[in-house]
Amino acid sequence: MKTKFGCCLILGSFVPQSSGESVEMGKVEQLRDGLQLLKENGYDFAELTVQFLTQLSEEEFHEAKQVIQQTSLNIPVCNSFIPPQLKIVGPNVSITDLDDYLDLAMRRVHEIGGEQIIFGSGGARTIPDGFSQTQAYEQIKQFLCRCETYSAKYGITVAIEPLNKTESNIINTVKEAMSLAEEVNLPHIKVLADSYHMDLEKESFTILKQAIKDEWLAHVHISDRDRRFPGEINGEEAMDFSKLFRVLQEAKYKGLISAECNAASLVDVSALSLQFVKNTWSSVEGGLANVQSN
């Protein structure tokens, strides 16, 4: 099966994609232009933010669904799940508000054809100063159990995203995310790996072999250092994507891979990056095939 490569459209997110991006364009128009751009640049799919979908009025969401239905680009994955003000841990967690939000978010992701939601949400899950880490961890487990209820209802997988320590003070590595997924042991709860966070936490890509073998790894995000697009940075400062792709191919990873990056010009950089990614993936694939044939 051919590996599919996508790109995140950071629309309506609390994670800015570009400091130079215009905010005057309407939300649905941004979506239409973004999907068209990714299609023209050769991506297999787009990844939206849950925040973009939940911030739309019912009328805007209806228009957005029409735009999505008119494009040949699927949106199987959404990220930026829980807004920072809707707390998952700490003394101010509202189960009622979380339930209302989860139902809205998963229903809308389902209605646009989405199958996965990435649970990073550093602002919502970061442990407040002085709060018990043990209690916070239990709250996250309870949150994932609530996610399972709506995941089963709407057919959505939730993938736990490890975040580096500057973005969250809990679940910082793939190994920790796998341990959490194993503890809750729920059918719709899996794990995501992000090259950016793994690099900052100095976590070896080899952990992904176990994640794939045990069927925890549901999705992969790629970006270079400083959230740059793969291929943007040259020389020794660049991340070794050959090493990452070799691990994924050796472990027979069958999932999707998305670029989650910041860029001053998504128009130019995303197309060049995709070619770099495909060339690197094919080169690794060819090398492994030669080894196996000898």
C-alpha atoms as a PDB file:
ATOM      1  CA  MET A   1       0.000   0.000   0.000  1.00  0.00           C
ATOM      2  CA  LYS A   2       1.376   3.392  -0.995  1.00  0.00           C
ATOM      3  CA  THR A   3       2.242   5.666   1.913  1.00  0.00           C
ATOM      4  CA  LYS A   4       0.110   8.818   1.963  1.00  0.00           C
ATOM      5  CA  PHE A   5       1.534  12.204   2.885  1.00  0.00           C
ATOM      6  CA  GLY A   6      -0.584  15.105   4.105  1.00  0.00           C
ATOM      7  CA  CYS A   7      -0.176  18.608   5.453  1.00  0.00           C
ATOM      8  CA  CYS A   8      -1.775  20.422   8.365  1.00  0.00           C
ATOM      9  CA  LEU A   9      -3.810  23.536   7.671  1.00  0.00           C
ATOM     10  CA  ILE A  10      -3.578  25.516  10.893  1.00  0.00           C
ATOM     11  CA  LEU A  11      -6.854  27.418  10.545  1.00  0.00           C
ATOM     12  CA  GLY A  12      -8.634  28.697  13.664  1.00  0.00           C
ATOM     13  CA  SER A  13      -5.944  27.213  15.886  1.00  0.00           C
ATOM     14  CA  PHE A  14      -4.125  28.372  18.989  1.00  0.00           C
ATOM     15  CA  VAL A  15      -0.942  27.282  17.175  1.00  0.00           C
ATOM     16  CA  PRO A  16      -0.077  29.984  14.586  1.00  0.00           C
ATOM     17  CA  GLN A  17       1.104  28.703  11.219  1.00  0.00           C
ATOM     18  CA  SER A  18       2.459  31.923   9.833  1.00  0.00           C
ATOM     19  CA  SER A  19       3.135  35.324  11.340  1.00  0.00           C
ATOM     20  CA  GLY A  20       2.457  36.884   7.957  1.00  0.00           C
ATOM     21  CA  GLU A  21      -0.847  35.156   7.325  1.00  0.00           C
ATOM     22  CA  SER A  22      -3.775  37.432   6.592  1.00  0.00           C
ATOM     23  CA  VAL A  23      -6.654  37.335   9.050  1.00  0.00           C
ATOM     24  CA  GLU A  24      -9.050  39.340   6.864  1.00  0.00           C
ATOM     25  CA  MET A  25     -10.184  36.390   4.760  1.00  0.00           C
ATOM     26  CA  GLY A  26     -13.320  34.574   5.931  1.00  0.00           C
ATOM     27  CA  LYS A  27     -12.963  31.201   7.610  1.00  0.00           C
ATOM     28  CA  VAL A  28     -14.618  29.191   4.854  1.00  0.00           C
ATOM     29  CA  GLU A  29     -12.634  31.045   2.195  1.00  0.00           C
ATOM     30  CA  GLN A  30      -9.403  30.203   4.065  1.00  0.00           C
ATOM     31  CA  LEU A  31     -10.446  26.565   4.066  1.00  0.00           C
ATOM     32  CA  ARG A  32     -11.247  26.550   0.351  1.00  0.00           C
ATOM     33  CA  ASP A  33      -7.950  28.221  -0.592  1.00  0.00           C
ATOM     34  CA  GLY A  34      -5.937  26.010   1.754  1.00  0.00           C
ATOM     35  CA  LEU A  35      -7.390  22.774   0.401  1.00  0.00           C
ATOM     36  CA  GLN A  36      -6.891  23.929  -3.168  1.00  0.00           C
ATOM     37  CA  LEU A  37      -3.261  24.817  -2.429  1.00  0.00           C
ATOM     38  CA  LEU A  38      -2.468  21.428  -0.901  1.00  0.00           C
ATOM     39  CA  LYS A  39      -4.169  19.651  -3.787  1.00  0.00           C
ATOM     40  CA  GLU A  40      -2.142  21.641  -6.333  1.00  0.00           C
ATOM     41  CA  ASN A  41       1.058  20.950  -4.397  1.00  0.00           C
ATOM     42  CA  GLY A  42       0.463  17.204  -4.607  1.00  0.00           C
ATOM     43  CA  TYR A  43      -0.535  16.222  -1.062  1.00  0.00           C
ATOM     44  CA  ASP A  44      -2.679  13.138  -0.581  1.00  0.00           C
ATOM     45  CA  PHE A  45      -4.787  14.591   2.225  1.00  0.00           C
ATOM     46  CA  ALA A  46      -5.230  17.585   4.511  1.00  0.00           C
ATOM     47  CA  GLU A  47      -5.256  17.761   8.286  1.00  0.00           C
ATOM     48  CA  LEU A  48      -7.489  20.377   9.897  1.00  0.00           C
ATOM     49  CA  THR A  49      -7.735  21.617  13.461  1.00  0.00           C
ATOM     50  CA  VAL A  50     -10.669  20.654  15.641  1.00  0.00           C
ATOM     51  CA  GLN A  51     -10.585  24.276  16.797  1.00  0.00           C
ATOM     52  CA  PHE A  52     -11.383  25.474  13.289  1.00  0.00           C
ATOM     53  CA  LEU A  53     -14.438  23.218  13.107  1.00  0.00           C
ATOM     54  CA  THR A  54     -15.802  23.961  16.585  1.00  0.00           C
ATOM     55  CA  GLN A  55     -15.437  27.741  16.199  1.00  0.00           C
ATOM     56  CA  LEU A  56     -17.714  27.794  13.142  1.00  0.00           C
ATOM     57  CA  SER A  57     -21.367  28.718  13.445  1.00  0.00           C
ATOM     58  CA  GLU A  58     -23.837  26.084  12.205  1.00  0.00           C
ATOM     59  CA  GLU A  59     -24.244  28.057   8.971  1.00  0.00           C
ATOM     60  CA  GLU A  60     -20.470  28.349   8.492  1.00  0.00           C
ATOM     61  CA  PHE A  61     -20.019  24.649   9.251  1.00  0.00           C
ATOM     62  CA  HIS A  62     -22.619  23.761   6.605  1.00  0.00           C
ATOM     63  CA  GLU A  63     -20.689  25.904   4.095  1.00  0.00           C
ATOM     64  CA  ALA A  64     -17.389  24.317   5.166  1.00  0.00           C
ATOM     65  CA  LYS A  65     -18.821  20.819   4.631  1.00  0.00           C
ATOM     66  CA  GLN A  66     -19.874  21.804   1.121  1.00  0.00           C
ATOM     67  CA  VAL A  67     -16.343  23.066   0.377  1.00  0.00           C
ATOM     68  CA  ILE A  68     -14.858  19.802   1.674  1.00  0.00           C
ATOM     69  CA  GLN A  69     -17.297  17.698  -0.347  1.00  0.00           C
ATOM     70  CA  GLN A  70     -16.340  19.599  -3.501  1.00  0.00           C
ATOM     71  CA  THR A  71     -12.632  18.838  -3.185  1.00  0.00           C
ATOM     72  CA  SER A  72     -10.967  15.514  -3.908  1.00  0.00           C
ATOM     73  CA  LEU A  73      -8.705  15.983  -0.885  1.00  0.00           C
ATOM     74  CA  ASN A  74      -9.798  13.924   2.137  1.00  0.00           C
ATOM     75  CA  ILE A  75      -9.480  15.176   5.729  1.00  0.00           C
ATOM     76  CA  PRO A  76      -8.974  11.974   7.722  1.00  0.00           C
ATOM     77  CA  VAL A  77      -7.231  13.604  10.705  1.00  0.00           C
ATOM     78  CA  CYS A  78      -7.734  16.694  12.868  1.00  0.00           C
ATOM     79  CA  ASN A  79      -5.471  18.146  15.553  1.00  0.00           C
ATOM     80  CA  SER A  80      -5.565  21.007  18.130  1.00  0.00           C
ATOM     81  CA  PHE A  81      -8.267  19.151  20.038  1.00  0.00           C
ATOM     82  CA  ILE A  82      -9.048  20.889  23.348  1.00  0.00           C
ATOM     83  CA  PRO A  83      -8.753  24.699  23.735  1.00  0.00           C
ATOM     84  CA  PRO A  84      -6.497  25.945  26.558  1.00  0.00           C
ATOM     85  CA  GLN A  85      -9.375  27.427  28.550  1.00  0.00           C
ATOM     86  CA  LEU A  86     -11.218  24.088  28.745  1.00  0.00           C
ATOM     87  CA  LYS A  87      -9.165  22.358  31.413  1.00  0.00           C
ATOM     88  CA  ILE A  88      -8.575  18.603  31.513  1.00  0.00           C
ATOM     89  CA  VAL A  89      -6.471  18.686  34.673  1.00  0.00           C
ATOM     90  CA  GLY A  90      -6.390  20.811  37.794  1.00  0.00           C
ATOM     91  CA  PRO A  91      -9.020  22.117  40.225  1.00  0.00           C
ATOM     92  CA  ASN A  92     -11.239  23.737  37.575  1.00  0.00           C
ATOM     93  CA  VAL A  93     -12.310  20.798  35.405  1.00  0.00           C
ATOM     94  CA  SER A  94     -15.948  20.916  34.268  1.00  0.00           C
ATOM     95  CA  ILE A  95     -17.178  17.481  33.193  1.00  0.00           C
ATOM     96  CA  THR A  96     -20.362  19.008  31.750  1.00  0.00           C
ATOM     97  CA  ASP A  97     -18.425  21.460  29.578  1.00  0.00           C
ATOM     98  CA  LEU A  98     -16.037  18.723  28.454  1.00  0.00           C
ATOM     99  CA  ASP A  99     -18.896  16.406  27.507  1.00  0.00           C
ATOM    100  CA  ASP A 100     -20.640  19.143  25.525  1.00  0.00           C
ATOM    101  CA  TYR A 101     -17.427  19.976  23.714  1.00  0.00           C
ATOM    102  CA  LEU A 102     -16.470  16.364  22.994  1.00  0.00           C
ATOM    103  CA  ASP A 103     -19.847  15.656  21.464  1.00  0.00           C
ATOM    104  CA  LEU A 104     -19.691  18.764  19.262  1.00  0.00           C
ATOM    105  CA  ALA A 105     -16.068  18.199  18.239  1.00  0.00           C
ATOM    106  CA  MET A 106     -16.379  14.536  17.375  1.00  0.00           C
ATOM    107  CA  ARG A 107     -19.701  14.977  15.599  1.00  0.00           C
ATOM    108  CA  ARG A 108     -18.234  17.667  13.345  1.00  0.00           C
ATOM    109  CA  VAL A 109     -15.044  15.713  12.664  1.00  0.00           C
ATOM    110  CA  HIS A 110     -17.196  12.698  11.780  1.00  0.00           C
ATOM    111  CA  GLU A 111     -19.409  14.765   9.469  1.00  0.00           C
ATOM    112  CA  ILE A 112     -16.436  15.911   7.364  1.00  0.00           C
ATOM    113  CA  GLY A 113     -15.216  12.321   7.023  1.00  0.00           C
ATOM    114  CA  GLY A 114     -12.574  12.462   9.766  1.00  0.00           C
ATOM    115  CA  GLU A 115     -11.399   9.276  11.435  1.00  0.00           C
ATOM    116  CA  GLN A 116      -8.753  10.502  13.901  1.00  0.00           C
ATOM    117  CA  ILE A 117      -8.271  13.329  16.386  1.00  0.00           C
ATOM    118  CA  ILE A 118      -4.838  14.167  17.784  1.00  0.00           C
ATOM    119  CA  PHE A 119      -4.814  14.873  21.521  1.00  0.00           C
ATOM    120  CA  GLY A 120      -1.946  17.257  22.214  1.00  0.00           C
ATOM    121  CA  SER A 121      -3.708  20.243  23.817  1.00  0.00           C
ATOM    122  CA  GLY A 122      -0.817  21.368  26.020  1.00  0.00           C
ATOM    123  CA  GLY A 123      -2.651  24.323  27.528  1.00  0.00           C
ATOM    124  CA  ALA A 124      -5.592  22.174  28.591  1.00  0.00           C
ATOM    125  CA  ARG A 125      -3.568  19.317  30.045  1.00  0.00           C
ATOM    126  CA  THR A 126      -0.623  21.113  31.679  1.00  0.00           C
ATOM    127  CA  ILE A 127      -0.570  20.592  35.442  1.00  0.00           C
ATOM    128  CA  PRO A 128      -1.042  23.834  37.442  1.00  0.00           C
ATOM    129  CA  ASP A 129       1.651  24.769  39.965  1.00  0.00           C
ATOM    130  CA  GLY A 130       1.114  23.023  43.267  1.00  0.00           C
ATOM    131  CA  PHE A 131      -1.365  20.504  41.885  1.00  0.00           C
ATOM    132  CA  SER A 132      -0.786  16.786  42.391  1.00  0.00           C
ATOM    133  CA  GLN A 133       0.846  15.106  39.394  1.00  0.00           C
ATOM    134  CA  THR A 134      -0.726  11.805  40.400  1.00  0.00           C
ATOM    135  CA  GLN A 135      -4.185  13.364  40.485  1.00  0.00           C
ATOM    136  CA  ALA A 136      -3.572  15.114  37.152  1.00  0.00           C
ATOM    137  CA  TYR A 137      -2.551  11.810  35.555  1.00  0.00           C
ATOM    138  CA  GLU A 138      -5.772  10.220  36.818  1.00  0.00           C
ATOM    139  CA  GLN A 139      -7.761  13.143  35.403  1.00  0.00           C
ATOM    140  CA  ILE A 140      -6.187  12.562  31.980  1.00  0.00           C
ATOM    141  CA  LYS A 141      -7.118   8.884  32.192  1.00  0.00           C
ATOM    142  CA  GLN A 142     -10.689   9.886  33.080  1.00  0.00           C
ATOM    143  CA  PHE A 143     -10.692  12.299  30.138  1.00  0.00           C
ATOM    144  CA  LEU A 144      -9.612   9.534  27.762  1.00  0.00           C
ATOM    145  CA  CYS A 145     -12.419   7.353  29.102  1.00  0.00           C
ATOM    146  CA  ARG A 146     -14.862  10.145  28.270  1.00  0.00           C
ATOM    147  CA  CYS A 147     -13.277  10.407  24.824  1.00  0.00           C
ATOM    148  CA  GLU A 148     -13.879   6.679  24.335  1.00  0.00           C
ATOM    149  CA  THR A 149     -17.626   7.165  24.837  1.00  0.00           C
ATOM    150  CA  TYR A 150     -17.863   9.700  22.012  1.00  0.00           C
ATOM    151  CA  SER A 151     -15.199   7.963  19.907  1.00  0.00           C
ATOM    152  CA  ALA A 152     -17.348   4.840  19.875  1.00  0.00           C
ATOM    153  CA  LYS A 153     -20.420   6.904  19.025  1.00  0.00           C
ATOM    154  CA  TYR A 154     -18.823   8.685  16.065  1.00  0.00           C
ATOM    155  CA  GLY A 155     -16.147   6.196  14.968  1.00  0.00           C
ATOM    156  CA  ILE A 156     -13.196   8.420  15.835  1.00  0.00           C
ATOM    157  CA  THR A 157      -9.752   7.314  17.071  1.00  0.00           C
ATOM    158  CA  VAL A 158      -8.049   9.645  19.560  1.00  0.00           C
ATOM    159  CA  ALA A 159      -4.240   9.577  19.368  1.00  0.00           C
ATOM    160  CA  ILE A 160      -2.309  10.784  22.421  1.00  0.00           C
ATOM    161  CA  GLU A 161       0.413  13.216  21.338  1.00  0.00           C
ATOM    162  CA  PRO A 162       3.558  13.499  23.470  1.00  0.00           C
ATOM    163  CA  LEU A 163       4.528  17.174  23.788  1.00  0.00           C
ATOM    164  CA  ASN A 164       7.955  18.535  24.648  1.00  0.00           C
ATOM    165  CA  LYS A 165       8.422  20.017  28.120  1.00  0.00           C
ATOM    166  CA  THR A 166       8.091  23.615  26.915  1.00  0.00           C
ATOM    167  CA  GLU A 167       4.509  22.863  25.832  1.00  0.00           C
ATOM    168  CA  SER A 168       3.333  20.552  28.613  1.00  0.00           C
ATOM    169  CA  ASN A 169       4.654  19.158  31.898  1.00  0.00           C
ATOM    170  CA  ILE A 170       3.057  15.729  31.445  1.00  0.00           C
ATOM    171  CA  ILE A 171       3.293  12.990  28.750  1.00  0.00           C
ATOM    172  CA  ASN A 172       6.439  14.198  27.019  1.00  0.00           C
ATOM    173  CA  THR A 173       7.608  11.069  25.183  1.00  0.00           C
ATOM    174  CA  VAL A 174       6.174   8.370  22.946  1.00  0.00           C
ATOM    175  CA  LYS A 175       7.144   5.850  25.607  1.00  0.00           C
ATOM    176  CA  GLU A 176       5.001   7.700  28.192  1.00  0.00           C
ATOM    177  CA  ALA A 177       2.095   7.987  25.751  1.00  0.00           C
ATOM    178  CA  MET A 178       2.259   4.250  25.067  1.00  0.00           C
ATOM    179  CA  SER A 179       2.263   3.524  28.796  1.00  0.00           C
ATOM    180  CA  LEU A 180      -0.833   5.699  29.248  1.00  0.00           C
ATOM    181  CA  ALA A 181      -2.604   4.045  26.312  1.00  0.00           C
ATOM    182  CA  GLU A 182      -1.800   0.633  27.751  1.00  0.00           C
ATOM    183  CA  GLU A 183      -3.151   1.656  31.169  1.00  0.00           C
ATOM    184  CA  VAL A 184      -6.524   2.841  29.883  1.00  0.00           C
ATOM    185  CA  ASN A 185      -6.614   0.050  27.261  1.00  0.00           C
ATOM    186  CA  LEU A 186      -9.527   1.472  25.280  1.00  0.00           C
ATOM    187  CA  PRO A 187     -10.374   0.473  21.670  1.00  0.00           C
ATOM    188  CA  HIS A 188     -10.304   4.014  20.250  1.00  0.00           C
ATOM    189  CA  ILE A 189      -7.294   5.383  22.168  1.00  0.00           C
ATOM    190  CA  LYS A 190      -3.936   5.201  20.350  1.00  0.00           C
ATOM    191  CA  VAL A 191      -0.667   7.184  20.121  1.00  0.00           C
ATOM    192  CA  LEU A 192       0.895   9.735  17.776  1.00  0.00           C
ATOM    193  CA  ALA A 193       4.611  10.339  17.194  1.00  0.00           C
ATOM    194  CA  ASP A 194       5.879  13.792  16.211  1.00  0.00           C
ATOM    195  CA  SER A 195       9.471  14.170  15.015  1.00  0.00           C
ATOM    196  CA  TYR A 196       9.650  17.729  16.399  1.00  0.00           C
ATOM    197  CA  HIS A 197       8.784  16.733  19.964  1.00  0.00           C
ATOM    198  CA  MET A 198      10.876  13.563  19.814  1.00  0.00           C
ATOM    199  CA  ASP A 199      13.900  15.598  18.745  1.00  0.00           C
ATOM    200  CA  LEU A 200      13.499  18.125  21.570  1.00  0.00           C
ATOM    201  CA  GLU A 201      13.069  15.346  24.126  1.00  0.00           C
ATOM    202  CA  LYS A 202      16.013  13.445  22.625  1.00  0.00           C
ATOM    203  CA  GLU A 203      13.840  10.347  22.247  1.00  0.00           C
ATOM    204  CA  SER A 204      15.208   7.789  19.808  1.00  0.00           C
ATOM    205  CA  PHE A 205      13.077   6.981  16.775  1.00  0.00           C
ATOM    206  CA  THR A 206      13.643   3.293  17.538  1.00  0.00           C
ATOM    207  CA  ILE A 207      10.860   3.422  20.176  1.00  0.00           C
ATOM    208  CA  LEU A 208       8.466   3.534  17.219  1.00  0.00           C
ATOM    209  CA  LYS A 209       9.283  -0.071  16.355  1.00  0.00           C
ATOM    210  CA  GLN A 210       7.657  -1.154  19.601  1.00  0.00           C
ATOM    211  CA  ALA A 211       4.773   1.284  19.126  1.00  0.00           C
ATOM    212  CA  ILE A 212       4.060  -0.195  15.682  1.00  0.00           C
ATOM    213  CA  LYS A 213       4.563  -3.793  16.784  1.00  0.00           C
ATOM    214  CA  ASP A 214       2.090  -3.349  19.663  1.00  0.00           C
ATOM    215  CA  GLU A 215      -0.332  -1.499  17.332  1.00  0.00           C
ATOM    216  CA  TRP A 216      -0.344   1.752  19.317  1.00  0.00           C
ATOM    217  CA  LEU A 217       1.010   4.094  16.646  1.00  0.00           C
ATOM    218  CA  ALA A 218      -1.949   5.570  14.757  1.00  0.00           C
ATOM    219  CA  HIS A 219      -0.405   8.635  13.103  1.00  0.00           C
ATOM    220  CA  VAL A 220       2.888  10.456  12.505  1.00  0.00           C
ATOM    221  CA  HIS A 221       3.651  14.183  12.355  1.00  0.00           C
ATOM    222  CA  ILE A 222       6.851  15.386  10.755  1.00  0.00           C
ATOM    223  CA  SER A 223       8.648  18.714  10.882  1.00  0.00           C
ATOM    224  CA  ASP A 224      12.222  19.819  11.190  1.00  0.00           C
ATOM    225  CA  ARG A 225      13.680  21.864  14.035  1.00  0.00           C
ATOM    226  CA  ASP A 226      11.900  25.157  14.807  1.00  0.00           C
ATOM    227  CA  ARG A 227       8.805  23.598  13.221  1.00  0.00           C
ATOM    228  CA  ARG A 228      10.280  24.127   9.766  1.00  0.00           C
ATOM    229  CA  PHE A 229       9.143  22.028   6.825  1.00  0.00           C
ATOM    230  CA  PRO A 230      11.314  18.964   6.096  1.00  0.00           C
ATOM    231  CA  GLY A 231      13.863  19.985   3.482  1.00  0.00           C
ATOM    232  CA  GLU A 232      13.923  23.651   4.524  1.00  0.00           C
ATOM    233  CA  ILE A 233      17.044  23.274   6.669  1.00  0.00           C
ATOM    234  CA  ASN A 234      20.295  22.097   5.106  1.00  0.00           C
ATOM    235  CA  GLY A 235      23.378  20.418   6.509  1.00  0.00           C
ATOM    236  CA  GLU A 236      24.056  19.207  10.010  1.00  0.00           C
ATOM    237  CA  GLU A 237      21.356  21.399  11.568  1.00  0.00           C
ATOM    238  CA  ALA A 238      18.638  19.431   9.761  1.00  0.00           C
ATOM    239  CA  MET A 239      16.876  16.463  11.321  1.00  0.00           C
ATOM    240  CA  ASP A 240      17.712  13.048   9.878  1.00  0.00           C
ATOM    241  CA  PHE A 241      14.444  12.057   8.238  1.00  0.00           C
ATOM    242  CA  SER A 242      16.121   9.072   6.576  1.00  0.00           C
ATOM    243  CA  LYS A 243      16.589   7.570  10.044  1.00  0.00           C
ATOM    244  CA  LEU A 244      12.926   8.158  10.958  1.00  0.00           C
ATOM    245  CA  PHE A 245      11.631   6.764   7.667  1.00  0.00           C
ATOM    246  CA  ARG A 246      13.887   3.725   7.940  1.00  0.00           C
ATOM    247  CA  VAL A 247      12.411   2.877  11.351  1.00  0.00           C
ATOM    248  CA  LEU A 248       8.862   3.309  10.055  1.00  0.00           C
ATOM    249  CA  GLN A 249       9.493   1.161   6.982  1.00  0.00           C
ATOM    250  CA  GLU A 250      11.379  -1.561   8.827  1.00  0.00           C
ATOM    251  CA  ALA A 251       8.501  -1.826  11.304  1.00  0.00           C
ATOM    252  CA  LYS A 252       6.003  -1.825   8.412  1.00  0.00           C
ATOM    253  CA  TYR A 253       4.101   1.285   9.482  1.00  0.00           C
ATOM    254  CA  LYS A 254       0.878   1.494   7.440  1.00  0.00           C
ATOM    255  CA  GLY A 255      -0.562   4.772   8.728  1.00  0.00           C
ATOM    256  CA  LEU A 256      -0.604   8.338   7.443  1.00  0.00           C
ATOM    257  CA  ILE A 257       2.162  10.946   7.731  1.00  0.00           C
ATOM    258  CA  SER A 258       1.425  14.676   8.015  1.00  0.00           C
ATOM    259  CA  ALA A 259       3.690  17.704   7.880  1.00  0.00           C
ATOM    260  CA  GLU A 260       2.837  19.931  10.854  1.00  0.00           C
ATOM    261  CA  CYS A 261       4.944  23.022  10.342  1.00  0.00           C
ATOM    262  CA  ASN A 262       5.134  26.801  10.463  1.00  0.00           C
ATOM    263  CA  ALA A 263       6.064  28.684   7.321  1.00  0.00           C
ATOM    264  CA  ALA A 264       6.215  32.271   6.163  1.00  0.00           C
ATOM    265  CA  SER A 265       5.070  31.031   2.763  1.00  0.00           C
ATOM    266  CA  LEU A 266       3.076  27.805   2.808  1.00  0.00           C
ATOM    267  CA  VAL A 267       2.578  28.221  -0.939  1.00  0.00           C
ATOM    268  CA  ASP A 268       6.246  27.798  -1.835  1.00  0.00           C
ATOM    269  CA  VAL A 269       7.637  25.707   0.997  1.00  0.00           C
ATOM    270  CA  SER A 270       5.006  22.978   1.241  1.00  0.00           C
ATOM    271  CA  ALA A 271       5.426  21.891  -2.388  1.00  0.00           C
ATOM    272  CA  LEU A 272       9.220  21.744  -2.182  1.00  0.00           C
ATOM    273  CA  SER A 273       9.025  19.926   1.154  1.00  0.00           C
ATOM    274  CA  LEU A 274       6.692  17.261  -0.172  1.00  0.00           C
ATOM    275  CA  GLN A 275       9.126  16.475  -2.979  1.00  0.00           C
ATOM    276  CA  PHE A 276      11.956  16.213  -0.438  1.00  0.00           C
ATOM    277  CA  VAL A 277       9.878  13.902   1.778  1.00  0.00           C
ATOM    278  CA  LYS A 278       8.845  11.649  -1.113  1.00  0.00           C
ATOM    279  CA  ASN A 279      12.409  11.445  -2.433  1.00  0.00           C
ATOM    280  CA  THR A 280      13.760  10.607   1.031  1.00  0.00           C
ATOM    281  CA  TRP A 281      11.057   8.001   1.625  1.00  0.00           C
ATOM    282  CA  SER A 282      11.708   6.374  -1.778  1.00  0.00           C
ATOM    283  CA  SER A 283      15.457   6.397  -1.226  1.00  0.00           C
ATOM    284  CA  VAL A 284      15.080   4.595   2.098  1.00  0.00           C
ATOM    285  CA  GLU A 285      12.613   2.182   0.525  1.00  0.00           C
ATOM    286  CA  GLY A 286      15.029   1.381  -2.271  1.00  0.00           C
ATOM    287  CA  GLY A 287      17.889   0.869   0.140  1.00  0.00           C
ATOM    288  CA  LEU A 288      15.907  -1.561   2.254  1.00  0.00           C
ATOM    289  CA  ALA A 289      14.786  -3.457  -0.852  1.00  0.00           C
ATOM    290  CA  ASN A 290      18.429  -3.884  -1.940  1.00  0.00           C
ATOM    291  CA  VAL A 291      19.414  -5.168   1.481  1.00  0.00           C
ATOM    292  CA  GLN A 292      16.559  -7.680   1.505  1.00  0.00           C
ATOM    293  CA  SER A 293      17.371  -8.955  -1.989  1.00  0.00           C
ATOM    294  CA  ASN A 294      21.042  -9.614  -1.155  1.00  0.00           C
END
